[in-house]
Amino acid sequence: MPAFRVGVLPRALADIERIATWWRKNRLTAPRLFQDELDLAFINIAAQPEIGHKAGLRAYPGARTYLLRRSEYVVIYNVDHESGVVAVARVRYARRRPLARAKRR
């Protein structure tokens, strides 16, 4: 099965740039840890888009999450099987106040 393409939406790109800049400036012993984990996450998500947990978020219906364990960030993404694209919607600190969950019916 061919890998999916990973696309990064503008808001996620802004998240990534902000986090990477902060990380390089404040984590001097491992300045590339966040970027290295994110790169590996994109490879894993492209190869197996269903790898992430279903998020059940109101703002991102059908989204999945992939945890960057060492840096403690979470990648929020949607999978479009028809186009073969994984769209990264957000990258957030995992311990931050969670996004609103969708109401169960």
PDB file of N, CA and C in Angstrom:
ATOM      1  N   MET A   1       0.848  -1.181   0.000  1.00  0.00           N
ATOM      2  CA  MET A   1       0.000   0.000   0.000  1.00  0.00           C
ATOM      3  C   MET A   1       0.891   1.241   0.000  1.00  0.00           C
ATOM      4  N   PRO A   2       0.691   2.152  -0.941  1.00  0.00           N
ATOM      5  CA  PRO A   2       1.527   3.356  -0.984  1.00  0.00           C
ATOM      6  C   PRO A   2       1.243   4.265   0.208  1.00  0.00           C
ATOM      7  N   ALA A   3       2.249   5.011   0.596  1.00  0.00           N
ATOM      8  CA  ALA A   3       2.107   5.940   1.708  1.00  0.00           C
ATOM      9  C   ALA A   3       1.210   7.118   1.330  1.00  0.00           C
ATOM     10  N   PHE A   4       0.547   7.651   2.313  1.00  0.00           N
ATOM     11  CA  PHE A   4      -0.247   8.865   2.138  1.00  0.00           C
ATOM     12  C   PHE A   4       0.693  10.058   2.076  1.00  0.00           C
ATOM     13  N   ARG A   5       0.226  11.143   1.507  1.00  0.00           N
ATOM     14  CA  ARG A   5       0.969  12.395   1.539  1.00  0.00           C
ATOM     15  C   ARG A   5       0.553  13.145   2.800  1.00  0.00           C
ATOM     16  N   VAL A   6       1.477  13.824   3.428  1.00  0.00           N
ATOM     17  CA  VAL A   6       1.181  14.614   4.621  1.00  0.00           C
ATOM     18  C   VAL A   6       1.168  16.082   4.224  1.00  0.00           C
ATOM     19  N   GLY A   7       0.042  16.728   4.493  1.00  0.00           N
ATOM     20  CA  GLY A   7      -0.090  18.155   4.266  1.00  0.00           C
ATOM     21  C   GLY A   7      -0.257  18.854   5.600  1.00  0.00           C
ATOM     22  N   VAL A   8       0.350  20.011   5.750  1.00  0.00           N
ATOM     23  CA  VAL A   8       0.273  20.759   7.002  1.00  0.00           C
ATOM     24  C   VAL A   8      -0.542  22.020   6.751  1.00  0.00           C
ATOM     25  N   LEU A   9      -1.662  22.139   7.462  1.00  0.00           N
ATOM     26  CA  LEU A   9      -2.524  23.305   7.315  1.00  0.00           C
ATOM     27  C   LEU A   9      -1.862  24.537   7.931  1.00  0.00           C
ATOM     28  N   PRO A  10      -2.244  25.746   7.499  1.00  0.00           N
ATOM     29  CA  PRO A  10      -1.568  26.965   7.962  1.00  0.00           C
ATOM     30  C   PRO A  10      -1.490  27.113   9.484  1.00  0.00           C
ATOM     31  N   ARG A  11      -2.566  26.782  10.185  1.00  0.00           N
ATOM     32  CA  ARG A  11      -2.541  26.931  11.650  1.00  0.00           C
ATOM     33  C   ARG A  11      -1.525  25.966  12.269  1.00  0.00           C
ATOM     34  N   ALA A  12      -1.458  24.751  11.752  1.00  0.00           N
ATOM     35  CA  ALA A  12      -0.489  23.780  12.256  1.00  0.00           C
ATOM     36  C   ALA A  12       0.933  24.223  11.925  1.00  0.00           C
ATOM     37  N   LEU A  13       1.123  24.796  10.751  1.00  0.00           N
ATOM     38  CA  LEU A  13       2.451  25.291  10.373  1.00  0.00           C
ATOM     39  C   LEU A  13       2.901  26.388  11.335  1.00  0.00           C
ATOM     40  N   ALA A  14       1.982  27.283  11.695  1.00  0.00           N
ATOM     41  CA  ALA A  14       2.310  28.331  12.673  1.00  0.00           C
ATOM     42  C   ALA A  14       2.636  27.711  14.029  1.00  0.00           C
ATOM     43  N   ASP A  15       1.868  26.680  14.432  1.00  0.00           N
ATOM     44  CA  ASP A  15       2.159  25.970  15.687  1.00  0.00           C
ATOM     45  C   ASP A  15       3.575  25.401  15.654  1.00  0.00           C
ATOM     46  N   ILE A  16       3.902  24.713  14.571  1.00  0.00           N
ATOM     47  CA  ILE A  16       5.201  24.045  14.438  1.00  0.00           C
ATOM     48  C   ILE A  16       6.343  25.052  14.481  1.00  0.00           C
ATOM     49  N   GLU A  17       6.203  26.147  13.758  1.00  0.00           N
ATOM     50  CA  GLU A  17       7.254  27.164  13.739  1.00  0.00           C
ATOM     51  C   GLU A  17       7.466  27.757  15.127  1.00  0.00           C
ATOM     52  N   ARG A  18       6.364  28.051  15.830  1.00  0.00           N
ATOM     53  CA  ARG A  18       6.447  28.625  17.170  1.00  0.00           C
ATOM     54  C   ARG A  18       7.101  27.640  18.142  1.00  0.00           C
ATOM     55  N   ILE A  19       6.663  26.391  18.107  1.00  0.00           N
ATOM     56  CA  ILE A  19       7.197  25.371  19.017  1.00  0.00           C
ATOM     57  C   ILE A  19       8.675  25.103  18.723  1.00  0.00           C
ATOM     58  N   ALA A  20       9.022  24.941  17.451  1.00  0.00           N
ATOM     59  CA  ALA A  20      10.413  24.639  17.084  1.00  0.00           C
ATOM     60  C   ALA A  20      11.353  25.772  17.503  1.00  0.00           C
ATOM     61  N   THR A  21      10.917  27.005  17.320  1.00  0.00           N
ATOM     62  CA  THR A  21      11.732  28.151  17.726  1.00  0.00           C
ATOM     63  C   THR A  21      11.931  28.151  19.233  1.00  0.00           C
ATOM     64  N   TRP A  22      10.842  27.956  19.975  1.00  0.00           N
ATOM     65  CA  TRP A  22      10.936  27.913  21.435  1.00  0.00           C
ATOM     66  C   TRP A  22      11.841  26.761  21.872  1.00  0.00           C
ATOM     67  N   TRP A  23      11.660  25.604  21.241  1.00  0.00           N
ATOM     68  CA  TRP A  23      12.415  24.413  21.640  1.00  0.00           C
ATOM     69  C   TRP A  23      13.919  24.623  21.446  1.00  0.00           C
ATOM     70  N   ARG A  24      14.312  25.150  20.281  1.00  0.00           N
ATOM     71  CA  ARG A  24      15.741  25.382  20.024  1.00  0.00           C
ATOM     72  C   ARG A  24      16.342  26.381  21.008  1.00  0.00           C
ATOM     73  N   LYS A  25      15.559  27.357  21.394  1.00  0.00           N
ATOM     74  CA  LYS A  25      16.034  28.403  22.290  1.00  0.00           C
ATOM     75  C   LYS A  25      16.104  27.941  23.751  1.00  0.00           C
ATOM     76  N   ASN A  26      15.179  27.071  24.171  1.00  0.00           N
ATOM     77  CA  ASN A  26      15.043  26.720  25.582  1.00  0.00           C
ATOM     78  C   ASN A  26      15.467  25.306  25.959  1.00  0.00           C
ATOM     79  N   ARG A  27      15.710  24.459  25.004  1.00  0.00           N
ATOM     80  CA  ARG A  27      16.126  23.077  25.276  1.00  0.00           C
ATOM     81  C   ARG A  27      17.509  22.847  24.676  1.00  0.00           C
ATOM     82  N   LEU A  28      18.509  23.454  25.295  1.00  0.00           N
ATOM     83  CA  LEU A  28      19.855  23.468  24.742  1.00  0.00           C
ATOM     84  C   LEU A  28      20.506  22.092  24.705  1.00  0.00           C
ATOM     85  N   THR A  29      20.104  21.183  25.577  1.00  0.00           N
ATOM     86  CA  THR A  29      20.705  19.846  25.564  1.00  0.00           C
ATOM     87  C   THR A  29      20.137  18.966  24.449  1.00  0.00           C
ATOM     88  N   ALA A  30      18.961  19.316  23.941  1.00  0.00           N
ATOM     89  CA  ALA A  30      18.342  18.547  22.843  1.00  0.00           C
ATOM     90  C   ALA A  30      17.560  19.494  21.934  1.00  0.00           C
ATOM     91  N   PRO A  31      18.259  20.396  21.254  1.00  0.00           N
ATOM     92  CA  PRO A  31      17.568  21.435  20.483  1.00  0.00           C
ATOM     93  C   PRO A  31      16.744  20.915  19.304  1.00  0.00           C
ATOM     94  N   ARG A  32      17.028  19.716  18.816  1.00  0.00           N
ATOM     95  CA  ARG A  32      16.285  19.180  17.672  1.00  0.00           C
ATOM     96  C   ARG A  32      15.280  18.089  18.051  1.00  0.00           C
ATOM     97  N   LEU A  33      15.099  17.828  19.326  1.00  0.00           N
ATOM     98  CA  LEU A  33      14.222  16.742  19.753  1.00  0.00           C
ATOM     99  C   LEU A  33      12.808  16.890  19.200  1.00  0.00           C
ATOM    100  N   PHE A  34      12.216  18.059  19.352  1.00  0.00           N
ATOM    101  CA  PHE A  34      10.849  18.263  18.854  1.00  0.00           C
ATOM    102  C   PHE A  34      10.787  18.026  17.352  1.00  0.00           C
ATOM    103  N   GLN A  35      11.694  18.644  16.601  1.00  0.00           N
ATOM    104  CA  GLN A  35      11.671  18.514  15.139  1.00  0.00           C
ATOM    105  C   GLN A  35      11.910  17.073  14.704  1.00  0.00           C
ATOM    106  N   ASP A  36      12.826  16.382  15.362  1.00  0.00           N
ATOM    107  CA  ASP A  36      13.097  14.985  15.018  1.00  0.00           C
ATOM    108  C   ASP A  36      11.875  14.106  15.296  1.00  0.00           C
ATOM    109  N   GLU A  37      11.230  14.322  16.438  1.00  0.00           N
ATOM    110  CA  GLU A  37      10.019  13.553  16.762  1.00  0.00           C
ATOM    111  C   GLU A  37       8.897  13.850  15.783  1.00  0.00           C
ATOM    112  N   LEU A  38       8.749  15.111  15.412  1.00  0.00           N
ATOM    113  CA  LEU A  38       7.704  15.494  14.461  1.00  0.00           C
ATOM    114  C   LEU A  38       7.956  14.869  13.094  1.00  0.00           C
ATOM    115  N   ASP A  39       9.199  14.887  12.641  1.00  0.00           N
ATOM    116  CA  ASP A  39       9.542  14.266  11.358  1.00  0.00           C
ATOM    117  C   ASP A  39       9.196  12.778  11.368  1.00  0.00           C
ATOM    118  N   LEU A  40       9.532  12.093  12.454  1.00  0.00           N
ATOM    119  CA  LEU A  40       9.209  10.672  12.570  1.00  0.00           C
ATOM    120  C   LEU A  40       7.694  10.453  12.623  1.00  0.00           C
ATOM    121  N   ALA A  41       6.985  11.331  13.306  1.00  0.00           N
ATOM    122  CA  ALA A  41       5.521  11.237  13.360  1.00  0.00           C
ATOM    123  C   ALA A  41       4.932  11.335  11.959  1.00  0.00           C
ATOM    124  N   PHE A  42       5.418  12.277  11.152  1.00  0.00           N
ATOM    125  CA  PHE A  42       4.910  12.432   9.787  1.00  0.00           C
ATOM    126  C   PHE A  42       5.176  11.177   8.961  1.00  0.00           C
ATOM    127  N   ILE A  43       6.334  10.574   9.135  1.00  0.00           N
ATOM    128  CA  ILE A  43       6.653   9.337   8.419  1.00  0.00           C
ATOM    129  C   ILE A  43       5.697   8.228   8.842  1.00  0.00           C
ATOM    130  N   ASN A  44       5.488   8.085  10.147  1.00  0.00           N
ATOM    131  CA  ASN A  44       4.597   7.043  10.656  1.00  0.00           C
ATOM    132  C   ASN A  44       3.149   7.260  10.237  1.00  0.00           C
ATOM    133  N   ILE A  45       2.693   8.498  10.305  1.00  0.00           N
ATOM    134  CA  ILE A  45       1.313   8.812   9.925  1.00  0.00           C
ATOM    135  C   ILE A  45       1.109   8.588   8.431  1.00  0.00           C
ATOM    136  N   ALA A  46       2.097   8.930   7.630  1.00  0.00           N
ATOM    137  CA  ALA A  46       1.993   8.718   6.181  1.00  0.00           C
ATOM    138  C   ALA A  46       1.916   7.235   5.848  1.00  0.00           C
ATOM    139  N   ALA A  47       2.684   6.439   6.575  1.00  0.00           N
ATOM    140  CA  ALA A  47       2.713   4.997   6.314  1.00  0.00           C
ATOM    141  C   ALA A  47       1.479   4.292   6.857  1.00  0.00           C
ATOM    142  N   GLN A  48       0.996   4.736   8.009  1.00  0.00           N
ATOM    143  CA  GLN A  48      -0.153   4.105   8.666  1.00  0.00           C
ATOM    144  C   GLN A  48      -1.054   5.195   9.245  1.00  0.00           C
ATOM    145  N   PRO A  49      -1.896   5.811   8.438  1.00  0.00           N
ATOM    146  CA  PRO A  49      -2.687   6.944   8.914  1.00  0.00           C
ATOM    147  C   PRO A  49      -3.653   6.616  10.057  1.00  0.00           C
ATOM    148  N   GLU A  50      -4.003   5.359  10.212  1.00  0.00           N
ATOM    149  CA  GLU A  50      -4.925   4.981  11.287  1.00  0.00           C
ATOM    150  C   GLU A  50      -4.190   4.738  12.607  1.00  0.00           C
ATOM    151  N   ILE A  51      -2.895   5.025  12.655  1.00  0.00           N
ATOM    152  CA  ILE A  51      -2.083   4.766  13.840  1.00  0.00           C
ATOM    153  C   ILE A  51      -2.511   5.620  15.040  1.00  0.00           C
ATOM    154  N   GLY A  52      -3.008   6.815  14.782  1.00  0.00           N
ATOM    155  CA  GLY A  52      -3.390   7.712  15.872  1.00  0.00           C
ATOM    156  C   GLY A  52      -4.724   7.329  16.493  1.00  0.00           C
ATOM    157  N   HIS A  53      -4.936   7.816  17.693  1.00  0.00           N
ATOM    158  CA  HIS A  53      -6.193   7.579  18.398  1.00  0.00           C
ATOM    159  C   HIS A  53      -7.277   8.509  17.868  1.00  0.00           C
ATOM    160  N   LYS A  54      -8.510   8.035  17.821  1.00  0.00           N
ATOM    161  CA  LYS A  54      -9.624   8.897  17.435  1.00  0.00           C
ATOM    162  C   LYS A  54      -9.782   9.962  18.506  1.00  0.00           C
ATOM    163  N   ALA A  55      -9.851  11.209  18.072  1.00  0.00           N
ATOM    164  CA  ALA A  55      -9.823  12.322  19.016  1.00  0.00           C
ATOM    165  C   ALA A  55     -11.201  12.705  19.530  1.00  0.00           C
ATOM    166  N   GLY A  56     -12.230  12.639  18.690  1.00  0.00           N
ATOM    167  CA  GLY A  56     -13.565  13.040  19.107  1.00  0.00           C
ATOM    168  C   GLY A  56     -13.656  14.509  19.483  1.00  0.00           C
ATOM    169  N   LEU A  57     -12.985  15.373  18.724  1.00  0.00           N
ATOM    170  CA  LEU A  57     -12.954  16.800  19.024  1.00  0.00           C
ATOM    171  C   LEU A  57     -14.013  17.554  18.240  1.00  0.00           C
ATOM    172  N   ARG A  58     -14.652  18.508  18.895  1.00  0.00           N
ATOM    173  CA  ARG A  58     -15.698  19.311  18.246  1.00  0.00           C
ATOM    174  C   ARG A  58     -15.126  20.125  17.079  1.00  0.00           C
ATOM    175  N   ALA A  59     -13.974  20.725  17.273  1.00  0.00           N
ATOM    176  CA  ALA A  59     -13.378  21.584  16.245  1.00  0.00           C
ATOM    177  C   ALA A  59     -12.800  20.805  15.068  1.00  0.00           C
ATOM    178  N   TYR A  60     -12.496  19.526  15.284  1.00  0.00           N
ATOM    179  CA  TYR A  60     -11.873  18.713  14.243  1.00  0.00           C
ATOM    180  C   TYR A  60     -12.578  17.353  14.157  1.00  0.00           C
ATOM    181  N   PRO A  61     -13.764  17.325  13.562  1.00  0.00           N
ATOM    182  CA  PRO A  61     -14.506  16.061  13.481  1.00  0.00           C
ATOM    183  C   PRO A  61     -13.716  15.004  12.704  1.00  0.00           C
ATOM    184  N   GLY A  62     -13.706  13.801  13.235  1.00  0.00           N
ATOM    185  CA  GLY A  62     -13.013  12.697  12.579  1.00  0.00           C
ATOM    186  C   GLY A  62     -11.509  12.713  12.747  1.00  0.00           C
ATOM    187  N   ALA A  63     -10.992  13.656  13.539  1.00  0.00           N
ATOM    188  CA  ALA A  63      -9.541  13.791  13.699  1.00  0.00           C
ATOM    189  C   ALA A  63      -8.966  12.662  14.544  1.00  0.00           C
ATOM    190  N   ARG A  64      -7.682  12.455  14.345  1.00  0.00           N
ATOM    191  CA  ARG A  64      -6.900  11.498  15.122  1.00  0.00           C
ATOM    192  C   ARG A  64      -5.752  12.258  15.772  1.00  0.00           C
ATOM    193  N   THR A  65      -5.193  11.664  16.830  1.00  0.00           N
ATOM    194  CA  THR A  65      -4.060  12.290  17.506  1.00  0.00           C
ATOM    195  C   THR A  65      -2.879  11.333  17.557  1.00  0.00           C
ATOM    196  N   TYR A  66      -1.701  11.894  17.457  1.00  0.00           N
ATOM    197  CA  TYR A  66      -0.455  11.133  17.532  1.00  0.00           C
ATOM    198  C   TYR A  66       0.424  11.847  18.544  1.00  0.00           C
ATOM    199  N   LEU A  67       0.825  11.150  19.588  1.00  0.00           N
ATOM    200  CA  LEU A  67       1.601  11.741  20.674  1.00  0.00           C
ATOM    201  C   LEU A  67       3.097  11.672  20.392  1.00  0.00           C
ATOM    202  N   LEU A  68       3.758  12.801  20.549  1.00  0.00           N
ATOM    203  CA  LEU A  68       5.215  12.867  20.514  1.00  0.00           C
ATOM    204  C   LEU A  68       5.652  12.679  21.965  1.00  0.00           C
ATOM    205  N   ARG A  69       6.016  11.479  22.313  1.00  0.00           N
ATOM    206  CA  ARG A  69       6.198  11.093  23.716  1.00  0.00           C
ATOM    207  C   ARG A  69       7.273  11.879  24.466  1.00  0.00           C
ATOM    208  N   ARG A  70       8.407  12.077  23.859  1.00  0.00           N
ATOM    209  CA  ARG A  70       9.509  12.715  24.590  1.00  0.00           C
ATOM    210  C   ARG A  70       9.317  14.218  24.729  1.00  0.00           C
ATOM    211  N   SER A  71       8.838  14.882  23.704  1.00  0.00           N
ATOM    212  CA  SER A  71       8.632  16.329  23.787  1.00  0.00           C
ATOM    213  C   SER A  71       7.257  16.687  24.338  1.00  0.00           C
ATOM    214  N   GLU A  72       6.362  15.718  24.429  1.00  0.00           N
ATOM    215  CA  GLU A  72       5.023  15.866  24.998  1.00  0.00           C
ATOM    216  C   GLU A  72       4.122  16.812  24.201  1.00  0.00           C
ATOM    217  N   TYR A  73       4.210  16.716  22.895  1.00  0.00           N
ATOM    218  CA  TYR A  73       3.282  17.439  22.024  1.00  0.00           C
ATOM    219  C   TYR A  73       2.389  16.415  21.337  1.00  0.00           C
ATOM    220  N   VAL A  74       1.260  16.880  20.848  1.00  0.00           N
ATOM    221  CA  VAL A  74       0.328  15.995  20.160  1.00  0.00           C
ATOM    222  C   VAL A  74       0.017  16.587  18.780  1.00  0.00           C
ATOM    223  N   VAL A  75       0.031  15.716  17.778  1.00  0.00           N
ATOM    224  CA  VAL A  75      -0.289  16.095  16.403  1.00  0.00           C
ATOM    225  C   VAL A  75      -1.750  15.717  16.171  1.00  0.00           C
ATOM    226  N   ILE A  76      -2.552  16.678  15.746  1.00  0.00           N
ATOM    227  CA  ILE A  76      -3.964  16.444  15.451  1.00  0.00           C
ATOM    228  C   ILE A  76      -4.114  16.470  13.936  1.00  0.00           C
ATOM    229  N   TYR A  77      -4.670  15.384  13.378  1.00  0.00           N
ATOM    230  CA  TYR A  77      -4.735  15.286  11.924  1.00  0.00           C
ATOM    231  C   TYR A  77      -6.002  14.567  11.464  1.00  0.00           C
ATOM    232  N   ASN A  78      -6.363  14.808  10.206  1.00  0.00           N
ATOM    233  CA  ASN A  78      -7.475  14.130   9.552  1.00  0.00           C
ATOM    234  C   ASN A  78      -6.942  13.329   8.375  1.00  0.00           C
ATOM    235  N   VAL A  79      -7.610  12.225   8.091  1.00  0.00           N
ATOM    236  CA  VAL A  79      -7.215  11.352   6.988  1.00  0.00           C
ATOM    237  C   VAL A  79      -8.271  11.425   5.897  1.00  0.00           C
ATOM    238  N   ASP A  80      -7.837  11.697   4.673  1.00  0.00           N
ATOM    239  CA  ASP A  80      -8.735  11.661   3.512  1.00  0.00           C
ATOM    240  C   ASP A  80      -8.286  10.492   2.641  1.00  0.00           C
ATOM    241  N   HIS A  81      -9.005   9.379   2.767  1.00  0.00           N
ATOM    242  CA  HIS A  81      -8.627   8.161   2.053  1.00  0.00           C
ATOM    243  C   HIS A  81      -8.770   8.307   0.541  1.00  0.00           C
ATOM    244  N   GLU A  82      -9.743   9.073   0.101  1.00  0.00           N
ATOM    245  CA  GLU A  82      -9.958   9.236  -1.345  1.00  0.00           C
ATOM    246  C   GLU A  82      -8.791   9.937  -2.020  1.00  0.00           C
ATOM    247  N   SER A  83      -8.292  10.994  -1.399  1.00  0.00           N
ATOM    248  CA  SER A  83      -7.190  11.744  -2.008  1.00  0.00           C
ATOM    249  C   SER A  83      -5.817  11.228  -1.574  1.00  0.00           C
ATOM    250  N   GLY A  84      -5.798  10.381  -0.540  1.00  0.00           N
ATOM    251  CA  GLY A  84      -4.519   9.861  -0.043  1.00  0.00           C
ATOM    252  C   GLY A  84      -3.706  10.898   0.700  1.00  0.00           C
ATOM    253  N   VAL A  85      -4.421  11.814   1.384  1.00  0.00           N
ATOM    254  CA  VAL A  85      -3.747  12.900   2.093  1.00  0.00           C
ATOM    255  C   VAL A  85      -4.079  12.841   3.582  1.00  0.00           C
ATOM    256  N   VAL A  86      -3.062  13.038   4.387  1.00  0.00           N
ATOM    257  CA  VAL A  86      -3.221  13.240   5.821  1.00  0.00           C
ATOM    258  C   VAL A  86      -3.004  14.732   6.047  1.00  0.00           C
ATOM    259  N   ALA A  87      -4.026  15.411   6.589  1.00  0.00           N
ATOM    260  CA  ALA A  87      -3.949  16.857   6.802  1.00  0.00           C
ATOM    261  C   ALA A  87      -3.713  17.134   8.283  1.00  0.00           C
ATOM    262  N   VAL A  88      -2.555  17.676   8.601  1.00  0.00           N
ATOM    263  CA  VAL A  88      -2.228  18.028   9.977  1.00  0.00           C
ATOM    264  C   VAL A  88      -2.887  19.369  10.287  1.00  0.00           C
ATOM    265  N   ALA A  89      -3.799  19.340  11.269  1.00  0.00           N
ATOM    266  CA  ALA A  89      -4.586  20.526  11.595  1.00  0.00           C
ATOM    267  C   ALA A  89      -3.962  21.365  12.702  1.00  0.00           C
ATOM    268  N   ARG A  90      -3.382  20.707  13.711  1.00  0.00           N
ATOM    269  CA  ARG A  90      -2.793  21.410  14.862  1.00  0.00           C
ATOM    270  C   ARG A  90      -1.656  20.584  15.443  1.00  0.00           C
ATOM    271  N   VAL A  91      -0.761  21.258  16.149  1.00  0.00           N
ATOM    272  CA  VAL A  91       0.246  20.618  16.986  1.00  0.00           C
ATOM    273  C   VAL A  91       0.190  21.386  18.298  1.00  0.00           C
ATOM    274  N   ARG A  92      -0.116  20.656  19.377  1.00  0.00           N
ATOM    275  CA  ARG A  92      -0.326  21.306  20.678  1.00  0.00           C
ATOM    276  C   ARG A  92       0.433  20.569  21.767  1.00  0.00           C
ATOM    277  N   TYR A  93       0.734  21.309  22.845  1.00  0.00           N
ATOM    278  CA  TYR A  93       1.344  20.700  24.015  1.00  0.00           C
ATOM    279  C   TYR A  93       0.314  19.767  24.640  1.00  0.00           C
ATOM    280  N   ALA A  94       0.718  18.541  24.925  1.00  0.00           N
ATOM    281  CA  ALA A  94      -0.217  17.520  25.397  1.00  0.00           C
ATOM    282  C   ALA A  94      -0.814  17.840  26.759  1.00  0.00           C
ATOM    283  N   ARG A  95      -0.103  18.562  27.592  1.00  0.00           N
ATOM    284  CA  ARG A  95      -0.615  18.875  28.929  1.00  0.00           C
ATOM    285  C   ARG A  95      -1.432  20.155  28.970  1.00  0.00           C
ATOM    286  N   ARG A  96      -1.538  20.815  27.841  1.00  0.00           N
ATOM    287  CA  ARG A  96      -2.337  22.033  27.750  1.00  0.00           C
ATOM    288  C   ARG A  96      -3.807  21.679  27.924  1.00  0.00           C
ATOM    289  N   ARG A  97      -4.609  22.646  28.335  1.00  0.00           N
ATOM    290  CA  ARG A  97      -6.038  22.416  28.468  1.00  0.00           C
ATOM    291  C   ARG A  97      -6.552  21.789  27.177  1.00  0.00           C
ATOM    292  N   PRO A  98      -7.235  20.656  27.273  1.00  0.00           N
ATOM    293  CA  PRO A  98      -7.667  19.961  26.058  1.00  0.00           C
ATOM    294  C   PRO A  98      -8.711  20.739  25.265  1.00  0.00           C
ATOM    295  N   LEU A  99      -8.761  20.471  23.979  1.00  0.00           N
ATOM    296  CA  LEU A  99      -9.788  21.048  23.122  1.00  0.00           C
ATOM    297  C   LEU A  99     -11.129  20.418  23.490  1.00  0.00           C
ATOM    298  N   ALA A 100     -12.204  21.109  23.181  1.00  0.00           N
ATOM    299  CA  ALA A 100     -13.552  20.623  23.514  1.00  0.00           C
ATOM    300  C   ALA A 100     -13.862  19.331  22.768  1.00  0.00           C
ATOM    301  N   ARG A 101     -14.425  18.389  23.484  1.00  0.00           N
ATOM    302  CA  ARG A 101     -14.838  17.119  22.909  1.00  0.00           C
ATOM    303  C   ARG A 101     -16.198  17.267  22.254  1.00  0.00           C
ATOM    304  N   ALA A 102     -16.428  16.488  21.236  1.00  0.00           N
ATOM    305  CA  ALA A 102     -17.742  16.462  20.581  1.00  0.00           C
ATOM    306  C   ALA A 102     -18.742  15.812  21.529  1.00  0.00           C
ATOM    307  N   LYS A 103     -19.974  16.299  21.498  1.00  0.00           N
ATOM    308  CA  LYS A 103     -21.024  15.718  22.351  1.00  0.00           C
ATOM    309  C   LYS A 103     -21.455  14.396  21.778  1.00  0.00           C
ATOM    310  N   ARG A 104     -21.629  13.433  22.656  1.00  0.00           N
ATOM    311  CA  ARG A 104     -22.111  12.112  22.228  1.00  0.00           C
ATOM    312  C   ARG A 104     -23.607  12.166  22.042  1.00  0.00           C
ATOM    313  N   ARG A 105     -24.077  11.486  21.018  1.00  0.00           N
ATOM    314  CA  ARG A 105     -25.519  11.476  20.760  1.00  0.00           C
ATOM    315  C   ARG A 105     -26.123  10.196  21.207  1.00  0.00           C
TER     316      ARG A 105
END
